[in-house]
Amino acid sequence: MTEILYPPWRQRLARSLHINRSQVHAKYYQVASVCPAGRPKNRTMVFRGFLANSQSLLSVTDIRSEKVAQWQSKHKSHFEICWYFSGSREQYRLSGEVALLSHSLDLSYTQAVLGQQTKQSLLNQQWSNLSANARQAFYSSSPKAPFDENTILANPAQEQLTQGKQPEEIDIDSRQISDNFCVVIFIPDTVDYLNLKSKPQERCLYDIQDDWKERWVNP
């Protein structure tokens, strides 16, 4: 089997994840998009792993959230991630294109985006990785909808909670993926790495147009 040689920044990021693995917040990053009015929007998302045999990052979201609409806008399918590891005092800024996978979206992507997986296999994988408590959110009202306790109680997971079941006991068929579930693939084309712990501080830039070669610059 041929060994995959990842870009230097991808190897460095894997090392940072390993060093900071004991910190729960190490898997949270800030993701920016641009709304149709041209204003920047930012939110925290959870890192759900790398797309197999690639440098693309995975997260999940609700198809009804504003960021999905923003990434579907014309010429707005771009992102920037800012990811800070407090333990090792390292920061990564990754930017590039977004791919969105959902039963509710009629979008198709090439093998260059999906790698060795299919749309359905990625949806199945990421849905099954969620806890029952996390899955139930995709059956609730839309994000930013007016709060309505009756609507919340109407979703199957919440009904089981009111019956005294614990989140881990909730019975939501892991094979029945909610139409509101969306896998987000972040496909970087530039990376900006900063190490605040080293003396002197280090900063390195990477660009896919330059074959991901390391370019060390002043912090």
Protein backbone atom coordinates (compact mmCIF):
# COMPACT_ATOMS: atom_id res chain seq x y z
CA MET A 1 0.00 0.00 0.00
CA THR A 2 1.35 3.40 -0.99
CA GLU A 3 1.94 5.71 1.96
CA ILE A 4 0.18 9.05 1.66
CA LEU A 5 2.47 12.03 2.10
CA TYR A 6 0.45 14.92 3.52
CA PRO A 7 1.47 18.59 3.18
CA PRO A 8 3.70 19.89 6.01
CA TRP A 9 0.90 22.01 7.51
CA ARG A 10 -1.43 18.99 7.66
CA GLN A 11 1.23 16.99 9.51
CA ARG A 12 1.82 19.92 11.85
CA LEU A 13 -1.92 20.28 12.53
CA ALA A 14 -2.24 16.56 13.31
CA ARG A 15 0.61 16.98 15.80
CA SER A 16 -1.11 19.99 17.43
CA LEU A 17 -4.32 17.99 17.79
CA HIS A 18 -2.39 15.17 19.44
CA ILE A 19 -0.55 17.48 21.85
CA ASN A 20 -3.78 19.22 22.88
CA ARG A 21 -5.98 16.10 22.86
CA SER A 22 -6.73 16.34 26.60
CA GLN A 23 -8.42 19.74 26.12
CA VAL A 24 -12.05 19.44 25.01
CA HIS A 25 -12.07 22.89 23.44
CA ALA A 26 -9.17 21.96 21.14
CA LYS A 27 -11.68 20.56 18.65
CA TYR A 28 -13.60 23.82 18.35
CA TYR A 29 -12.68 26.40 15.73
CA GLN A 30 -14.10 29.71 14.54
CA VAL A 31 -15.43 29.71 10.98
CA ALA A 32 -16.11 32.88 8.98
CA SER A 33 -18.34 33.38 5.96
CA VAL A 34 -19.70 36.40 4.08
CA CYS A 35 -23.42 37.15 3.95
CA PRO A 36 -25.15 38.37 0.76
CA ALA A 37 -24.89 41.95 2.06
CA GLY A 38 -21.11 41.59 2.15
CA ARG A 39 -20.84 41.56 5.95
CA PRO A 40 -18.57 39.00 7.66
CA LYS A 41 -20.25 36.36 9.82
CA ASN A 42 -18.48 34.17 12.35
CA ARG A 43 -19.38 31.18 14.50
CA THR A 44 -17.83 28.28 16.40
CA MET A 45 -17.99 24.81 14.85
CA VAL A 46 -16.74 21.38 15.90
CA PHE A 47 -13.93 19.64 14.04
CA ARG A 48 -15.24 16.19 13.06
CA GLY A 49 -12.05 14.82 11.57
CA PHE A 50 -10.27 14.90 8.24
CA LEU A 51 -11.79 13.59 5.04
CA ALA A 52 -10.07 10.23 4.53
CA ASN A 53 -6.69 10.48 2.78
CA SER A 54 -6.94 14.23 2.28
CA GLN A 55 -6.32 17.58 3.95
CA SER A 56 -9.99 18.59 3.91
CA LEU A 57 -11.66 19.18 7.29
CA LEU A 58 -15.14 17.99 8.26
CA SER A 59 -17.88 19.59 10.36
CA VAL A 60 -21.65 19.19 10.51
CA THR A 61 -24.46 21.72 10.70
CA ASP A 62 -28.20 22.23 10.30
CA ILE A 63 -29.20 22.82 6.68
CA ARG A 64 -31.56 25.56 7.89
CA SER A 65 -28.78 27.65 9.45
CA GLU A 66 -27.85 30.99 7.90
CA LYS A 67 -24.29 29.95 7.07
CA VAL A 68 -25.54 27.30 4.64
CA ALA A 69 -27.51 29.91 2.72
CA GLN A 70 -24.47 32.21 2.78
CA TRP A 71 -22.23 29.51 1.33
CA GLN A 72 -24.79 28.84 -1.39
CA SER A 73 -24.84 32.48 -2.47
CA LYS A 74 -23.14 33.34 -5.73
CA HIS A 75 -19.36 33.66 -5.31
CA LYS A 76 -19.70 33.22 -1.54
CA SER A 77 -18.67 29.57 -1.09
CA HIS A 78 -15.51 30.64 0.72
CA PHE A 79 -14.52 30.17 4.35
CA GLU A 80 -11.79 31.07 6.78
CA ILE A 81 -11.10 29.05 9.91
CA CYS A 82 -9.20 30.44 12.88
CA TRP A 83 -8.09 27.62 15.18
CA TYR A 84 -6.14 28.35 18.36
CA PHE A 85 -4.59 25.69 20.57
CA SER A 86 -4.11 27.22 24.01
CA GLY A 87 -1.96 24.35 25.32
CA SER A 88 0.75 24.65 22.67
CA ARG A 89 -0.05 28.31 21.88
CA GLU A 90 -0.38 27.67 18.16
CA GLN A 91 -2.80 29.27 15.73
CA TYR A 92 -3.90 28.05 12.31
CA ARG A 93 -5.82 30.16 9.81
CA LEU A 94 -7.14 28.11 6.92
CA SER A 95 -9.11 29.47 3.98
CA GLY A 96 -10.61 27.95 0.87
CA GLU A 97 -13.82 26.52 -0.59
CA VAL A 98 -16.80 24.86 1.07
CA ALA A 99 -18.68 21.74 -0.09
CA LEU A 100 -22.11 20.95 1.40
CA LEU A 101 -23.60 17.45 1.58
CA SER A 102 -27.24 16.88 2.55
CA HIS A 103 -30.30 14.95 1.42
CA SER A 104 -31.96 18.36 1.08
CA LEU A 105 -29.35 19.75 -1.34
CA ASP A 106 -29.17 18.76 -4.98
CA LEU A 107 -25.44 19.32 -5.28
CA SER A 108 -22.91 16.94 -6.80
CA TYR A 109 -19.15 16.91 -6.31
CA THR A 110 -16.28 15.21 -8.08
CA GLN A 111 -13.91 12.64 -6.65
CA ALA A 112 -11.42 15.46 -6.17
CA VAL A 113 -13.74 16.78 -3.41
CA LEU A 114 -15.09 13.53 -1.94
CA GLY A 115 -11.92 11.45 -2.23
CA GLN A 116 -12.58 7.74 -1.82
CA GLN A 117 -16.00 8.30 -0.25
CA THR A 118 -19.46 8.99 -1.66
CA LYS A 119 -21.98 11.56 -0.55
CA GLN A 120 -24.07 8.87 1.14
CA SER A 121 -21.15 7.20 2.90
CA LEU A 122 -20.02 10.53 4.36
CA LEU A 123 -23.53 11.35 5.55
CA ASN A 124 -23.86 7.89 7.11
CA GLN A 125 -20.46 8.14 8.79
CA GLN A 126 -20.95 11.58 10.30
CA TRP A 127 -24.56 10.93 11.37
CA SER A 128 -23.64 7.69 13.13
CA ASN A 129 -20.79 9.47 14.94
CA LEU A 130 -23.27 11.83 16.64
CA SER A 131 -24.73 11.08 20.04
CA ALA A 132 -28.50 10.65 20.33
CA ASN A 133 -28.57 13.99 22.13
CA ALA A 134 -26.85 15.69 19.18
CA ARG A 135 -29.11 14.01 16.60
CA GLN A 136 -32.27 15.28 18.27
CA ALA A 137 -31.33 18.90 17.49
CA PHE A 138 -31.93 18.21 13.80
CA TYR A 139 -35.59 17.38 14.55
CA SER A 140 -36.23 20.63 16.42
CA SER A 141 -37.47 23.94 15.05
CA SER A 142 -35.30 25.93 12.68
CA PRO A 143 -32.41 27.92 14.12
CA LYS A 144 -33.56 31.45 15.06
CA ALA A 145 -37.24 30.44 14.87
CA PRO A 146 -39.40 31.92 17.65
CA PHE A 147 -39.16 29.79 20.76
CA ASP A 148 -42.15 27.46 21.09
CA GLU A 149 -42.09 24.85 23.84
CA ASN A 150 -44.91 22.90 22.20
CA THR A 151 -42.89 22.52 19.01
CA ILE A 152 -39.89 21.28 20.96
CA LEU A 153 -42.00 18.72 22.77
CA ALA A 154 -43.37 17.52 19.44
CA ASN A 155 -40.06 16.15 18.21
CA PRO A 156 -39.57 12.42 18.96
CA ALA A 157 -36.36 12.79 20.93
CA GLN A 158 -37.78 15.45 23.24
CA GLU A 159 -40.88 13.36 23.89
CA GLN A 160 -38.67 10.56 25.15
CA LEU A 161 -36.81 13.01 27.41
CA THR A 162 -40.10 14.11 28.99
CA GLN A 163 -40.86 10.45 29.63
CA GLY A 164 -37.83 10.25 31.88
CA LYS A 165 -35.28 8.76 29.49
CA GLN A 166 -31.66 9.87 29.66
CA PRO A 167 -30.06 11.33 26.48
CA GLU A 168 -28.04 8.14 25.92
CA GLU A 169 -31.27 6.09 26.09
CA ILE A 170 -33.11 8.05 23.39
CA ASP A 171 -34.13 5.83 20.50
CA ILE A 172 -33.43 7.66 17.23
CA ASP A 173 -32.70 5.29 14.35
CA SER A 174 -29.07 6.02 13.40
CA ARG A 175 -29.83 4.89 9.85
CA GLN A 176 -32.60 7.47 9.38
CA ILE A 177 -30.69 10.64 8.64
CA SER A 178 -32.61 13.87 9.19
CA ASP A 179 -33.17 15.96 6.06
CA ASN A 180 -31.87 18.90 8.10
CA PHE A 181 -28.46 17.24 8.59
CA CYS A 182 -25.58 18.64 6.56
CA VAL A 183 -21.92 17.66 6.34
CA VAL A 184 -19.57 20.57 5.65
CA ILE A 185 -16.28 19.88 3.88
CA PHE A 186 -13.69 22.63 4.25
CA ILE A 187 -11.19 22.43 1.38
CA PRO A 188 -8.20 24.66 2.22
CA ASP A 189 -6.11 26.37 -0.42
CA THR A 190 -4.05 28.59 1.92
CA VAL A 191 -2.84 28.09 5.49
CA ASP A 192 -1.25 30.59 7.90
CA TYR A 193 0.53 28.99 10.88
CA LEU A 194 1.67 30.93 13.96
CA ASN A 195 3.62 29.58 16.94
CA LEU A 196 3.54 31.95 19.91
CA LYS A 197 5.39 29.60 22.24
CA SER A 198 8.66 29.37 20.32
CA LYS A 199 11.41 31.89 20.89
CA PRO A 200 11.49 33.74 18.62
CA GLN A 201 7.88 33.34 17.54
CA GLU A 202 7.40 31.50 14.25
CA ARG A 203 5.04 32.07 11.35
CA CYS A 204 4.77 30.01 8.18
CA LEU A 205 2.57 30.43 5.10
CA TYR A 206 1.38 27.65 2.80
CA ASP A 207 -0.39 27.91 -0.56
CA ILE A 208 -1.72 25.09 -2.73
CA GLN A 209 -0.66 27.10 -5.80
CA ASP A 210 2.92 26.74 -4.57
CA ASP A 211 2.57 22.97 -3.89
CA TRP A 212 2.14 23.68 -0.16
CA LYS A 213 5.80 24.67 0.20
CA GLU A 214 6.74 26.24 3.54
CA ARG A 215 7.38 29.98 3.44
CA TRP A 216 8.69 31.29 6.75
CA VAL A 217 7.89 34.95 7.39
CA ASN A 218 8.04 37.46 10.24
CA PRO A 219 5.21 37.05 12.77
